Amino acid sequence: MSEDGDIKNANEETINNKVAPGSIPEQAVNVLAMDKEQELPQKKVRIDLQSLPTRQYLDQTVAPILLQGLMLLARERPPDPISYLAAYLLKNKTTFEQCPGSAQT
């Protein structure tokens, strides 16, 4: 079958499969349901982080980036270490942000 024939058949199928006004295709409903399911674990993990003991919370959220920043600070020894560390943390925060579900226990 030629490419033009394929396009014509695809267009006819699209016309024949039009959705009635006000109804949502099953695929769209499935996608929306999957999105809602994916949001639930993220909310649960936030609650779990809040319920962790202080040491575990800091180890899982702040310690990795802070330790890297402190090592770089000790190596570079800038004249204004507080500003240097603050700038490092802000610049690299996306590198160290974990998916909430990947936090180690």
Foldseek 3Di string as FASTA:
>chain_A
DDPVVVVVVVVVVCVVPDDDPPDDDPVVVVVVVVVVVVVVVQVVLVVVLVPDPPVLNCVQQPVVQQVVLVVVCVVVVDPDSVVSSVVSCVVCVVVRDDRSVPGDD
